[in-house]
C-alpha atoms as a PDB file:
ATOM      1  CA  UNK A   1      16.559 -27.790  55.751  1.00  0.00           C
ATOM      2  CA  UNK A   2      14.261 -30.356  54.324  1.00  0.00           C
ATOM      3  CA  UNK A   3      14.111 -31.130  50.608  1.00  0.00           C
ATOM      4  CA  UNK A   4      10.429 -30.184  50.411  1.00  0.00           C
ATOM      5  CA  UNK A   5      11.175 -26.693  51.863  1.00  0.00           C
ATOM      6  CA  UNK A   6      13.973 -26.229  49.311  1.00  0.00           C
ATOM      7  CA  UNK A   7      11.659 -27.239  46.448  1.00  0.00           C
ATOM      8  CA  UNK A   8       8.936 -24.859  47.697  1.00  0.00           C
ATOM      9  CA  UNK A   9      11.415 -21.957  47.896  1.00  0.00           C
ATOM     10  CA  UNK A  10      12.735 -22.808  44.456  1.00  0.00           C
ATOM     11  CA  UNK A  11       9.196 -22.760  43.025  1.00  0.00           C
ATOM     12  CA  UNK A  12       8.503 -19.386  44.662  1.00  0.00           C
ATOM     13  CA  UNK A  13      11.722 -17.928  43.212  1.00  0.00           C
ATOM     14  CA  UNK A  14      10.883 -19.277  39.741  1.00  0.00           C
ATOM     15  CA  UNK A  15       7.355 -17.824  39.960  1.00  0.00           C
ATOM     16  CA  UNK A  16       8.688 -14.399  41.006  1.00  0.00           C
ATOM     17  CA  UNK A  17      11.242 -14.391  38.180  1.00  0.00           C
ATOM     18  CA  UNK A  18       8.514 -15.299  35.653  1.00  0.00           C
ATOM     19  CA  UNK A  19       6.251 -12.496  36.909  1.00  0.00           C
ATOM     20  CA  UNK A  20       9.128 -10.011  36.657  1.00  0.00           C
ATOM     21  CA  UNK A  21       9.942 -11.128  33.093  1.00  0.00           C
ATOM     22  CA  UNK A  22       6.301 -10.715  32.026  1.00  0.00           C
ATOM     23  CA  UNK A  23       6.193  -7.255  33.635  1.00  0.00           C
ATOM     24  CA  UNK A  24       9.380  -6.188  31.813  1.00  0.00           C
ATOM     25  CA  UNK A  25       7.991  -7.451  28.484  1.00  0.00           C
ATOM     26  CA  UNK A  26       4.686  -5.619  28.981  1.00  0.00           C
ATOM     27  CA  UNK A  27       6.428  -2.367  29.944  1.00  0.00           C
ATOM     28  CA  UNK A  28       8.731  -2.635  26.919  1.00  0.00           C
ATOM     29  CA  UNK A  29       5.769  -3.193  24.589  1.00  0.00           C
ATOM     30  CA  UNK A  30       3.877  -0.249  26.093  1.00  0.00           C
ATOM     31  CA  UNK A  31       6.946   1.961  25.699  1.00  0.00           C
ATOM     32  CA  UNK A  32       7.414   1.087  22.021  1.00  0.00           C
ATOM     33  CA  UNK A  33       3.729   1.457  21.222  1.00  0.00           C
ATOM     34  CA  UNK A  34       3.645   4.880  22.836  1.00  0.00           C
ATOM     35  CA  UNK A  35       6.481   5.994  20.548  1.00  0.00           C
ATOM     36  CA  UNK A  36       4.571   5.208  17.327  1.00  0.00           C
ATOM     37  CA  UNK A  37       3.013   8.022  15.355  1.00  0.00           C
ATOM     38  CA  UNK A  38      -0.520   7.609  14.063  1.00  0.00           C
ATOM     39  CA  UNK A  39      -2.405   9.891  11.780  1.00  0.00           C
ATOM     40  CA  UNK A  40      -6.134   9.790  11.120  1.00  0.00           C
ATOM     41  CA  UNK A  41      -7.461  11.272   7.908  1.00  0.00           C
ATOM     42  CA  UNK A  42     -11.146  11.206   7.104  1.00  0.00           C
ATOM     43  CA  UNK A  43     -13.342  12.827   4.506  1.00  0.00           C
ATOM     44  CA  UNK A  44     -10.692  13.659   1.919  1.00  0.00           C
ATOM     45  CA  UNK A  45     -12.002  13.545  -1.602  1.00  0.00           C
ATOM     46  CA  UNK A  46     -10.181  11.665  -4.317  1.00  0.00           C
ATOM     47  CA  UNK A  47      -7.011  13.405  -5.409  1.00  0.00           C
ATOM     48  CA  UNK A  48      -6.517  15.424  -2.230  1.00  0.00           C
ATOM     49  CA  UNK A  49      -3.492  14.631  -0.164  1.00  0.00           C
ATOM     50  CA  UNK A  50      -4.318  16.616   2.966  1.00  0.00           C
ATOM     51  CA  UNK A  51      -1.273  17.092   5.142  1.00  0.00           C
ATOM     52  CA  UNK A  52       0.538  14.177   3.568  1.00  0.00           C
ATOM     53  CA  UNK A  53       3.400  15.011   1.283  1.00  0.00           C
ATOM     54  CA  UNK A  54       5.445  13.133  -1.236  1.00  0.00           C
ATOM     55  CA  UNK A  55       9.152  13.040  -0.649  1.00  0.00           C
ATOM     56  CA  UNK A  56      11.920  11.873  -2.854  1.00  0.00           C
ATOM     57  CA  UNK A  57      15.039  12.740  -4.726  1.00  0.00           C
ATOM     58  CA  UNK A  58      14.455  15.902  -6.779  1.00  0.00           C
ATOM     59  CA  UNK A  59      16.364  14.338  -9.643  1.00  0.00           C
ATOM     60  CA  UNK A  60      13.798  11.541  -9.761  1.00  0.00           C
ATOM     61  CA  UNK A  61      10.936  13.940 -10.307  1.00  0.00           C
ATOM     62  CA  UNK A  62      12.234  15.013 -13.675  1.00  0.00           C
ATOM     63  CA  UNK A  63      10.335  13.682 -16.639  1.00  0.00           C
ATOM     64  CA  UNK A  64      11.445  10.677 -18.632  1.00  0.00           C
ATOM     65  CA  UNK A  65      14.356  11.014 -20.978  1.00  0.00           C
ATOM     66  CA  UNK A  66      13.737   9.767 -24.499  1.00  0.00           C
ATOM     67  CA  UNK A  67      16.140   8.623 -27.180  1.00  0.00           C
ATOM     68  CA  UNK A  68      16.088   6.581 -30.372  1.00  0.00           C
ATOM     69  CA  UNK A  69      17.302   2.973 -30.360  1.00  0.00           C
ATOM     70  CA  UNK A  70      18.469   2.918 -33.997  1.00  0.00           C
ATOM     71  CA  UNK A  71      15.445   0.973 -35.287  1.00  0.00           C
ATOM     72  CA  UNK A  72      13.022   3.858 -35.421  1.00  0.00           C
ATOM     73  CA  UNK A  73      11.620   3.030 -31.987  1.00  0.00           C
ATOM     74  CA  UNK A  74      12.136   5.397 -29.082  1.00  0.00           C
ATOM     75  CA  UNK A  75      13.365   4.396 -25.652  1.00  0.00           C
ATOM     76  CA  UNK A  76      12.216   5.990 -22.411  1.00  0.00           C
ATOM     77  CA  UNK A  77      14.366   5.731 -19.299  1.00  0.00           C
ATOM     78  CA  UNK A  78      13.156   6.897 -15.898  1.00  0.00           C
ATOM     79  CA  UNK A  79      13.955   5.768 -12.357  1.00  0.00           C
ATOM     80  CA  UNK A  80      15.198   2.330 -13.394  1.00  0.00           C
ATOM     81  CA  UNK A  81      12.443   1.707 -15.966  1.00  0.00           C
ATOM     82  CA  UNK A  82      13.445   1.279 -19.594  1.00  0.00           C
ATOM     83  CA  UNK A  83      10.641   1.104 -22.171  1.00  0.00           C
ATOM     84  CA  UNK A  84      11.076   0.666 -25.912  1.00  0.00           C
ATOM     85  CA  UNK A  85       8.133   2.338 -27.621  1.00  0.00           C
ATOM     86  CA  UNK A  86       6.650   1.189 -30.898  1.00  0.00           C
ATOM     87  CA  UNK A  87       5.988   3.816 -33.551  1.00  0.00           C
ATOM     88  CA  UNK A  88       2.251   3.905 -32.750  1.00  0.00           C
ATOM     89  CA  UNK A  89       0.943   4.005 -29.190  1.00  0.00           C
ATOM     90  CA  UNK A  90      -2.704   4.184 -28.181  1.00  0.00           C
ATOM     91  CA  UNK A  91      -3.636   7.776 -27.477  1.00  0.00           C
ATOM     92  CA  UNK A  92      -3.405   8.672 -23.806  1.00  0.00           C
ATOM     93  CA  UNK A  93      -1.230   5.669 -22.869  1.00  0.00           C
ATOM     94  CA  UNK A  94       1.613   6.572 -20.522  1.00  0.00           C
ATOM     95  CA  UNK A  95       4.013   3.618 -20.871  1.00  0.00           C
ATOM     96  CA  UNK A  96       5.924   4.374 -17.656  1.00  0.00           C
ATOM     97  CA  UNK A  97       2.714   4.554 -15.622  1.00  0.00           C
ATOM     98  CA  UNK A  98       1.560   1.328 -17.294  1.00  0.00           C
ATOM     99  CA  UNK A  99       4.767  -0.446 -16.191  1.00  0.00           C
ATOM    100  CA  UNK A 100       4.466   0.907 -12.638  1.00  0.00           C
ATOM    101  CA  UNK A 101       0.830  -0.146 -12.301  1.00  0.00           C
ATOM    102  CA  UNK A 102       1.585  -3.600 -13.733  1.00  0.00           C
ATOM    103  CA  UNK A 103       4.332  -3.908 -11.111  1.00  0.00           C
ATOM    104  CA  UNK A 104       1.943  -2.777  -8.347  1.00  0.00           C
ATOM    105  CA  UNK A 105      -0.766  -5.241  -9.328  1.00  0.00           C
ATOM    106  CA  UNK A 106       1.612  -8.177  -9.638  1.00  0.00           C
ATOM    107  CA  UNK A 107       3.951  -7.556  -6.706  1.00  0.00           C
ATOM    108  CA  UNK A 108       1.823  -5.601  -4.228  1.00  0.00           C
ATOM    109  CA  UNK A 109      -1.669  -6.987  -4.887  1.00  0.00           C
ATOM    110  CA  UNK A 110      -0.685 -10.515  -6.117  1.00  0.00           C
ATOM    111  CA  UNK A 111      -2.711 -10.160  -9.328  1.00  0.00           C
ATOM    112  CA  UNK A 112      -0.590 -11.928 -11.925  1.00  0.00           C
ATOM    113  CA  UNK A 113      -2.801 -11.402 -14.973  1.00  0.00           C
ATOM    114  CA  UNK A 114      -6.334 -10.501 -16.026  1.00  0.00           C
ATOM    115  CA  UNK A 115      -8.298  -9.807 -19.187  1.00  0.00           C
ATOM    116  CA  UNK A 116     -11.001  -7.689 -17.535  1.00  0.00           C
ATOM    117  CA  UNK A 117     -11.934  -6.365 -14.117  1.00  0.00           C
ATOM    118  CA  UNK A 118     -14.114  -9.454 -13.581  1.00  0.00           C
ATOM    119  CA  UNK A 119     -10.939 -11.605 -13.453  1.00  0.00           C
ATOM    120  CA  UNK A 120      -9.568  -9.724 -10.425  1.00  0.00           C
ATOM    121  CA  UNK A 121     -10.504 -10.965  -6.936  1.00  0.00           C
ATOM    122  CA  UNK A 122     -12.597  -8.434  -5.033  1.00  0.00           C
ATOM    123  CA  UNK A 123     -10.150  -7.946  -2.121  1.00  0.00           C
ATOM    124  CA  UNK A 124      -7.127  -6.816  -4.161  1.00  0.00           C
ATOM    125  CA  UNK A 125      -9.330  -4.708  -6.458  1.00  0.00           C
ATOM    126  CA  UNK A 126     -10.870  -2.851  -3.500  1.00  0.00           C
ATOM    127  CA  UNK A 127      -7.536  -2.429  -1.699  1.00  0.00           C
ATOM    128  CA  UNK A 128      -5.870  -1.150  -4.880  1.00  0.00           C
ATOM    129  CA  UNK A 129      -8.701   1.314  -5.530  1.00  0.00           C
ATOM    130  CA  UNK A 130      -8.723   2.375  -1.865  1.00  0.00           C
ATOM    131  CA  UNK A 131      -5.014   3.231  -1.981  1.00  0.00           C
ATOM    132  CA  UNK A 132      -5.424   5.120  -5.268  1.00  0.00           C
ATOM    133  CA  UNK A 133      -8.110   7.362  -3.756  1.00  0.00           C
ATOM    134  CA  UNK A 134      -5.381   9.284  -1.943  1.00  0.00           C
ATOM    135  CA  UNK A 135      -2.392   9.312  -4.317  1.00  0.00           C
ATOM    136  CA  UNK A 136      -3.546  12.183  -6.493  1.00  0.00           C
ATOM    137  CA  UNK A 137      -1.832  11.788  -9.860  1.00  0.00           C
ATOM    138  CA  UNK A 138       0.922   9.547  -8.492  1.00  0.00           C
ATOM    139  CA  UNK A 139       1.292   5.791  -8.721  1.00  0.00           C
ATOM    140  CA  UNK A 140       1.438   3.867  -5.443  1.00  0.00           C
ATOM    141  CA  UNK A 141       5.183   3.315  -5.869  1.00  0.00           C
ATOM    142  CA  UNK A 142       5.658   7.111  -6.156  1.00  0.00           C
ATOM    143  CA  UNK A 143       3.419   8.076  -3.219  1.00  0.00           C
ATOM    144  CA  UNK A 144       4.866   8.054   0.284  1.00  0.00           C
ATOM    145  CA  UNK A 145       2.239   8.064   3.029  1.00  0.00           C
ATOM    146  CA  UNK A 146       4.480   8.975   5.960  1.00  0.00           C
ATOM    147  CA  UNK A 147       2.911   8.053   9.308  1.00  0.00           C
ATOM    148  CA  UNK A 148       0.495   5.158   9.549  1.00  0.00           C
ATOM    149  CA  UNK A 149      -2.741   6.595   8.246  1.00  0.00           C
ATOM    150  CA  UNK A 150      -6.253   5.333   8.976  1.00  0.00           C
ATOM    151  CA  UNK A 151      -8.571   5.818   6.014  1.00  0.00           C
ATOM    152  CA  UNK A 152     -12.302   5.554   5.443  1.00  0.00           C
ATOM    153  CA  UNK A 153     -14.096   5.632   2.100  1.00  0.00           C
ATOM    154  CA  UNK A 154     -17.654   5.310   0.885  1.00  0.00           C
ATOM    155  CA  UNK A 155     -18.966   2.615  -1.418  1.00  0.00           C
ATOM    156  CA  UNK A 156     -19.406   5.095  -4.264  1.00  0.00           C
ATOM    157  CA  UNK A 157     -15.815   6.380  -3.909  1.00  0.00           C
ATOM    158  CA  UNK A 158     -14.411   2.849  -4.113  1.00  0.00           C
ATOM    159  CA  UNK A 159     -16.696   1.895  -7.012  1.00  0.00           C
ATOM    160  CA  UNK A 160     -15.773   5.027  -9.010  1.00  0.00           C
ATOM    161  CA  UNK A 161     -12.061   4.436  -8.411  1.00  0.00           C
ATOM    162  CA  UNK A 162     -12.297   0.800  -9.572  1.00  0.00           C
ATOM    163  CA  UNK A 163     -14.072   1.949 -12.734  1.00  0.00           C
ATOM    164  CA  UNK A 164     -11.380   4.569 -13.285  1.00  0.00           C
ATOM    165  CA  UNK A 165      -8.586   2.008 -12.856  1.00  0.00           C
ATOM    166  CA  UNK A 166     -10.075  -1.029 -14.626  1.00  0.00           C
ATOM    167  CA  UNK A 167     -12.831   0.314 -16.854  1.00  0.00           C
ATOM    168  CA  UNK A 168     -15.623  -1.383 -14.917  1.00  0.00           C
ATOM    169  CA  UNK A 169     -16.728  -2.692 -11.541  1.00  0.00           C
ATOM    170  CA  UNK A 170     -18.469  -6.031 -12.185  1.00  0.00           C
ATOM    171  CA  UNK A 171     -18.498  -7.379  -8.626  1.00  0.00           C
ATOM    172  CA  UNK A 172     -20.114  -6.676  -5.265  1.00  0.00           C
ATOM    173  CA  UNK A 173     -17.438  -4.640  -3.509  1.00  0.00           C
ATOM    174  CA  UNK A 174     -19.206  -5.104  -0.167  1.00  0.00           C
ATOM    175  CA  UNK A 175     -17.796  -8.656  -0.186  1.00  0.00           C
ATOM    176  CA  UNK A 176     -14.357  -7.166   0.455  1.00  0.00           C
ATOM    177  CA  UNK A 177     -12.650  -7.716   3.801  1.00  0.00           C
ATOM    178  CA  UNK A 178     -12.223  -3.926   4.002  1.00  0.00           C
ATOM    179  CA  UNK A 179     -15.969  -3.299   4.169  1.00  0.00           C
ATOM    180  CA  UNK A 180     -17.259  -2.515   7.663  1.00  0.00           C
ATOM    181  CA  UNK A 181     -20.963  -3.322   7.466  1.00  0.00           C
ATOM    182  CA  UNK A 182     -21.674  -1.626  10.805  1.00  0.00           C
ATOM    183  CA  UNK A 183     -20.355   1.689   9.481  1.00  0.00           C
ATOM    184  CA  UNK A 184     -21.459   1.009   5.901  1.00  0.00           C
ATOM    185  CA  UNK A 185     -18.075   2.179   4.700  1.00  0.00           C
ATOM    186  CA  UNK A 186     -14.656   0.840   3.842  1.00  0.00           C
ATOM    187  CA  UNK A 187     -11.751   1.265   6.226  1.00  0.00           C
ATOM    188  CA  UNK A 188      -8.082   0.362   6.356  1.00  0.00           C
ATOM    189  CA  UNK A 189      -4.679   1.457   7.551  1.00  0.00           C
ATOM    190  CA  UNK A 190      -3.032   2.685   4.379  1.00  0.00           C
ATOM    191  CA  UNK A 191       0.278   0.940   3.764  1.00  0.00           C
ATOM    192  CA  UNK A 192       3.300   2.706   2.334  1.00  0.00           C
ATOM    193  CA  UNK A 193       3.916   1.034  -1.029  1.00  0.00           C
ATOM    194  CA  UNK A 194       6.467   3.581  -2.210  1.00  0.00           C
ATOM    195  CA  UNK A 195       9.663   2.213  -3.674  1.00  0.00           C
ATOM    196  CA  UNK A 196      11.746   1.866  -6.792  1.00  0.00           C
ATOM    197  CA  UNK A 197      10.638  -0.165  -9.771  1.00  0.00           C
ATOM    198  CA  UNK A 198      13.262  -1.720 -12.013  1.00  0.00           C
ATOM    199  CA  UNK A 199      11.902  -3.037 -15.295  1.00  0.00           C
ATOM    200  CA  UNK A 200      12.785  -3.409 -18.936  1.00  0.00           C
END
């Protein structure tokens, strides 16, 4: 056997092995993708959860427990959040929700601080509002989406939700990466941001 014949056979064997490896990788990817569950939800109004349900420990759904701290202030403890309340709170302020939403903005949307809605970049503001369209009365950390869920929303729905969350909508929300100009609507796969918040 000549050296050139050996090299040619070796190259053929290497090529066949490479083709087989690529085929195995493609088949594995197809198998795993076929096992994923997708759910498409369209046309739900704000506050409706459709077939999605929130799950969690029943003990966590109980309201906050309050107690005095010895200085006249009261302390709320719920799900790892401890809040010391001053004697006077603004009317309608839910301190636990405030802590959860501050956590969401900082850790999920990368918004470290802002004085008004105009200080928030358009992409996180739109994504935050988009997610809140479907949580009902829950915070994002309390709402479990379940299967991957494709969502669509209109410009007016997003604008109204931003106003509800931040008190105003001073920017052009169509500049968001979530805006599909061809459909003239916003679209995204809703992530599952549920989880525990630990804060004092």
